Amino acid sequence: MEWDQLGELLARFTKAEKLGEACPVYNCHGLTFGSRRTQVSPAILPILEDDGFDPIPEKEVRLGDIVVYSNARGEVVHSGFVVGTDSVEIVVGSKSVIPRIWSKWGKGHEMVHSVGECPYLEDEGNFTTYFRLRRWRPT
């Protein structure tokens, strides 16, 4: 089913950039947390905690941070890396920063897209949370 949806997703999100060919070996969490080696289950919040990531506000996002997309029930549905930011003027005289994300859409393509230019924020109530790795301290 996911393979059949790939073309439709690419047609709907025309500003997203496809990187290479689709690969079913790993999912988005496998890209973000498993170096493309495997699929990782949606239970990634314990991984973030164990590895020393802290939530941060979107306005503080920078290159290398992690974004987690969740549904209205708070269940994780997607993840990716922040690979840059775009500065836009939404209100005259005020700049807003929109994160650019590198993620994998299901078992399909790796994509670079703005945080909202993907299928994971389409449903009402879906939201993002950003995380940054704390400085490692020996215990």
Foldseek 3Di string as FASTA:
>chain_A
DVVVCVVVLCVQLVQKAFDDWFAQAEFFCCVVPVVSHHYDDQPCPVVCVVQAKDWDDPQPDDFFKKKFKAAQVRGTDHIWTFHHWDWDPPDPPDIDIWTWTFTGHGRTTTITGTPPSGPRPPDPNMDMIIIDHDPDDDD
